Amino acid sequence: MEQWLDKTPLLGGNELREIGNLICEKRKAHGWSQNDLAGYIGSDYRVVSRHENGHGMNLESLLRYSKVFDCPIVALLPAKFHQTISAQLLDVLARVALLPEEKQNKIAAMIRAAIDLAA
């Protein structure tokens, strides 16, 4: 699941670039460099650069960005998805984003295992 969003059929290259653009806009609105943002998400500026260019994004990264920017995950998704994403799923993701990182990682591992079983 490392590249989960890259493998999601609804999200092609254009959508991933749009997510990257939204992350870049939010970062700049906060007056942060890529290095600053990388520190806040516990990563490296090269990872932020890849994400802003629409590469290497996964659900865990999106959760970290939403937490750092203090916004719902849907705010980081292309506008065309705002109407199609289940309100229940958004509620669950918002609740997961509020949990400590250790618990978020455990939930992500369970989700990965469930996806592997379903495949």
C-alpha atoms as a PDB file:
ATOM      1  CA  MET A   1       0.000   0.000   0.000  1.00  0.00           C
ATOM      2  CA  GLU A   2       3.033   2.283  -0.039  1.00  0.00           C
ATOM      3  CA  GLN A   3       1.824   3.802  -3.295  1.00  0.00           C
ATOM      4  CA  TRP A   4      -1.875   3.337  -2.520  1.00  0.00           C
ATOM      5  CA  LEU A   5      -3.079   6.546  -4.127  1.00  0.00           C
ATOM      6  CA  ASP A   6      -0.921   5.931  -7.187  1.00  0.00           C
ATOM      7  CA  LYS A   7      -2.779   2.613  -7.676  1.00  0.00           C
ATOM      8  CA  THR A   8      -6.285   3.921  -7.031  1.00  0.00           C
ATOM      9  CA  PRO A   9      -8.239   3.792 -10.327  1.00  0.00           C
ATOM     10  CA  LEU A  10     -10.025   7.074  -9.605  1.00  0.00           C
ATOM     11  CA  LEU A  11      -6.743   8.908  -9.206  1.00  0.00           C
ATOM     12  CA  GLY A  12      -4.627   9.187 -12.322  1.00  0.00           C
ATOM     13  CA  GLY A  13      -1.609  11.363 -12.906  1.00  0.00           C
ATOM     14  CA  ASN A  14      -3.674  14.522 -13.323  1.00  0.00           C
ATOM     15  CA  GLU A  15      -5.491  13.993 -10.023  1.00  0.00           C
ATOM     16  CA  LEU A  16      -2.257  13.236  -8.167  1.00  0.00           C
ATOM     17  CA  ARG A  17      -0.717  16.421  -9.589  1.00  0.00           C
ATOM     18  CA  GLU A  18      -3.804  18.329  -8.436  1.00  0.00           C
ATOM     19  CA  ILE A  19      -3.365  16.914  -4.919  1.00  0.00           C
ATOM     20  CA  GLY A  20       0.278  17.966  -5.094  1.00  0.00           C
ATOM     21  CA  ASN A  21      -0.715  21.462  -6.196  1.00  0.00           C
ATOM     22  CA  LEU A  22      -3.164  21.746  -3.290  1.00  0.00           C
ATOM     23  CA  ILE A  23      -0.448  20.678  -0.839  1.00  0.00           C
ATOM     24  CA  CYS A  24       1.952  23.201  -2.366  1.00  0.00           C
ATOM     25  CA  GLU A  25      -0.646  25.996  -2.156  1.00  0.00           C
ATOM     26  CA  LYS A  26      -1.379  25.231   1.495  1.00  0.00           C
ATOM     27  CA  ARG A  27       2.340  25.055   2.308  1.00  0.00           C
ATOM     28  CA  LYS A  28       2.982  28.429   0.678  1.00  0.00           C
ATOM     29  CA  ALA A  29      -0.086  29.954   2.374  1.00  0.00           C
ATOM     30  CA  HIS A  30       1.542  29.027   5.696  1.00  0.00           C
ATOM     31  CA  GLY A  31       4.820  30.588   4.540  1.00  0.00           C
ATOM     32  CA  TRP A  32       6.656  27.261   4.859  1.00  0.00           C
ATOM     33  CA  SER A  33       9.471  25.869   2.750  1.00  0.00           C
ATOM     34  CA  GLN A  34       9.387  22.260   1.623  1.00  0.00           C
ATOM     35  CA  ASN A  35      11.952  21.577   4.328  1.00  0.00           C
ATOM     36  CA  ASP A  36       9.698  23.168   6.972  1.00  0.00           C
ATOM     37  CA  LEU A  37       6.722  21.075   5.880  1.00  0.00           C
ATOM     38  CA  ALA A  38       8.868  17.936   5.775  1.00  0.00           C
ATOM     39  CA  GLY A  39       9.800  18.515   9.402  1.00  0.00           C
ATOM     40  CA  TYR A  40       6.167  18.896  10.390  1.00  0.00           C
ATOM     41  CA  ILE A  41       5.158  15.615   8.717  1.00  0.00           C
ATOM     42  CA  GLY A  42       8.268  13.806   9.951  1.00  0.00           C
ATOM     43  CA  SER A  43       9.817  13.349   6.547  1.00  0.00           C
ATOM     44  CA  ASP A  44      12.403  14.763   4.154  1.00  0.00           C
ATOM     45  CA  TYR A  45      12.027  17.718   1.775  1.00  0.00           C
ATOM     46  CA  ARG A  46      12.547  15.344  -1.178  1.00  0.00           C
ATOM     47  CA  VAL A  47       9.390  13.453  -0.157  1.00  0.00           C
ATOM     48  CA  VAL A  48       7.428  16.719  -0.006  1.00  0.00           C
ATOM     49  CA  SER A  49       8.808  17.638  -3.428  1.00  0.00           C
ATOM     50  CA  ARG A  50       7.719  14.287  -4.892  1.00  0.00           C
ATOM     51  CA  HIS A  51       4.260  14.659  -3.364  1.00  0.00           C
ATOM     52  CA  GLU A  52       3.900  18.202  -4.676  1.00  0.00           C
ATOM     53  CA  ASN A  53       4.814  16.881  -8.122  1.00  0.00           C
ATOM     54  CA  GLY A  54       2.129  14.182  -7.902  1.00  0.00           C
ATOM     55  CA  HIS A  55       4.301  11.169  -7.082  1.00  0.00           C
ATOM     56  CA  GLY A  56       4.617   8.718  -4.197  1.00  0.00           C
ATOM     57  CA  MET A  57       1.476   9.774  -2.333  1.00  0.00           C
ATOM     58  CA  ASN A  58      -0.241   7.320  -0.007  1.00  0.00           C
ATOM     59  CA  LEU A  59      -3.116   7.514   2.448  1.00  0.00           C
ATOM     60  CA  GLU A  60      -0.820   7.861   5.434  1.00  0.00           C
ATOM     61  CA  SER A  61       0.877  10.856   3.817  1.00  0.00           C
ATOM     62  CA  LEU A  62      -2.485  12.454   3.123  1.00  0.00           C
ATOM     63  CA  LEU A  63      -3.456  11.962   6.761  1.00  0.00           C
ATOM     64  CA  ARG A  64      -0.237  13.629   7.897  1.00  0.00           C
ATOM     65  CA  TYR A  65      -0.791  16.605   5.596  1.00  0.00           C
ATOM     66  CA  SER A  66      -4.391  17.027   6.733  1.00  0.00           C
ATOM     67  CA  LYS A  67      -3.223  16.972  10.346  1.00  0.00           C
ATOM     68  CA  VAL A  68      -0.436  19.506   9.766  1.00  0.00           C
ATOM     69  CA  PHE A  69      -2.689  21.819   7.745  1.00  0.00           C
ATOM     70  CA  ASP A  70      -5.555  21.268  10.216  1.00  0.00           C
ATOM     71  CA  CYS A  71      -7.980  20.493   7.422  1.00  0.00           C
ATOM     72  CA  PRO A  72     -10.137  17.527   6.418  1.00  0.00           C
ATOM     73  CA  ILE A  73      -8.614  15.133   3.906  1.00  0.00           C
ATOM     74  CA  VAL A  74     -11.247  16.125   1.355  1.00  0.00           C
ATOM     75  CA  ALA A  75      -9.672  19.603   1.268  1.00  0.00           C
ATOM     76  CA  LEU A  76      -6.580  17.967  -0.255  1.00  0.00           C
ATOM     77  CA  LEU A  77      -8.496  16.056  -2.939  1.00  0.00           C
ATOM     78  CA  PRO A  78      -9.489  17.330  -6.382  1.00  0.00           C
ATOM     79  CA  ALA A  79     -12.800  19.187  -6.375  1.00  0.00           C
ATOM     80  CA  LYS A  80     -14.426  16.603  -8.638  1.00  0.00           C
ATOM     81  CA  PHE A  81     -14.256  14.092  -5.767  1.00  0.00           C
ATOM     82  CA  HIS A  82     -15.892  16.282  -3.130  1.00  0.00           C
ATOM     83  CA  GLN A  83     -19.389  15.188  -4.126  1.00  0.00           C
ATOM     84  CA  THR A  84     -18.578  11.522  -4.727  1.00  0.00           C
ATOM     85  CA  ILE A  85     -16.785  10.597  -1.517  1.00  0.00           C
ATOM     86  CA  SER A  86     -18.983   8.960   1.068  1.00  0.00           C
ATOM     87  CA  ALA A  87     -19.739  11.199   4.025  1.00  0.00           C
ATOM     88  CA  GLN A  88     -19.314   8.180   6.274  1.00  0.00           C
ATOM     89  CA  LEU A  89     -15.833   7.473   4.938  1.00  0.00           C
ATOM     90  CA  LEU A  90     -14.840  11.091   5.422  1.00  0.00           C
ATOM     91  CA  ASP A  91     -16.108  10.944   8.999  1.00  0.00           C
ATOM     92  CA  VAL A  92     -14.073   7.802   9.680  1.00  0.00           C
ATOM     93  CA  LEU A  93     -10.937   9.313   8.126  1.00  0.00           C
ATOM     94  CA  ALA A  94     -11.392  12.508  10.121  1.00  0.00           C
ATOM     95  CA  ARG A  95     -11.670  10.483  13.331  1.00  0.00           C
ATOM     96  CA  VAL A  96      -8.583   8.455  12.440  1.00  0.00           C
ATOM     97  CA  ALA A  97      -6.662  11.668  11.769  1.00  0.00           C
ATOM     98  CA  LEU A  98      -7.347  12.764  15.362  1.00  0.00           C
ATOM     99  CA  LEU A  99      -5.791   9.632  16.844  1.00  0.00           C
ATOM    100  CA  PRO A 100      -2.159   9.440  17.946  1.00  0.00           C
ATOM    101  CA  GLU A 101       0.202   8.457  15.113  1.00  0.00           C
ATOM    102  CA  GLU A 102       0.848   5.009  16.641  1.00  0.00           C
ATOM    103  CA  LYS A 103      -2.859   4.186  16.485  1.00  0.00           C
ATOM    104  CA  GLN A 104      -3.125   5.636  12.969  1.00  0.00           C
ATOM    105  CA  ASN A 105      -0.316   3.324  11.873  1.00  0.00           C
ATOM    106  CA  LYS A 106      -2.057   0.309  13.417  1.00  0.00           C
ATOM    107  CA  ILE A 107      -5.301   1.180  11.623  1.00  0.00           C
ATOM    108  CA  ALA A 108      -3.426   1.671   8.345  1.00  0.00           C
ATOM    109  CA  ALA A 109      -1.825  -1.766   8.786  1.00  0.00           C
ATOM    110  CA  MET A 110      -5.255  -3.322   9.374  1.00  0.00           C
ATOM    111  CA  ILE A 111      -6.647  -1.631   6.286  1.00  0.00           C
ATOM    112  CA  ARG A 112      -3.687  -2.822   4.198  1.00  0.00           C
ATOM    113  CA  ALA A 113      -4.243  -6.384   5.463  1.00  0.00           C
ATOM    114  CA  ALA A 114      -7.960  -6.192   4.631  1.00  0.00           C
ATOM    115  CA  ILE A 115      -7.204  -4.920   1.127  1.00  0.00           C
ATOM    116  CA  ASP A 116      -4.676  -7.715   0.608  1.00  0.00           C
ATOM    117  CA  LEU A 117      -7.271 -10.286   1.719  1.00  0.00           C
ATOM    118  CA  ALA A 118      -9.878  -8.831  -0.609  1.00  0.00           C
ATOM    119  CA  ALA A 119      -7.558  -8.797  -3.619  1.00  0.00           C
END
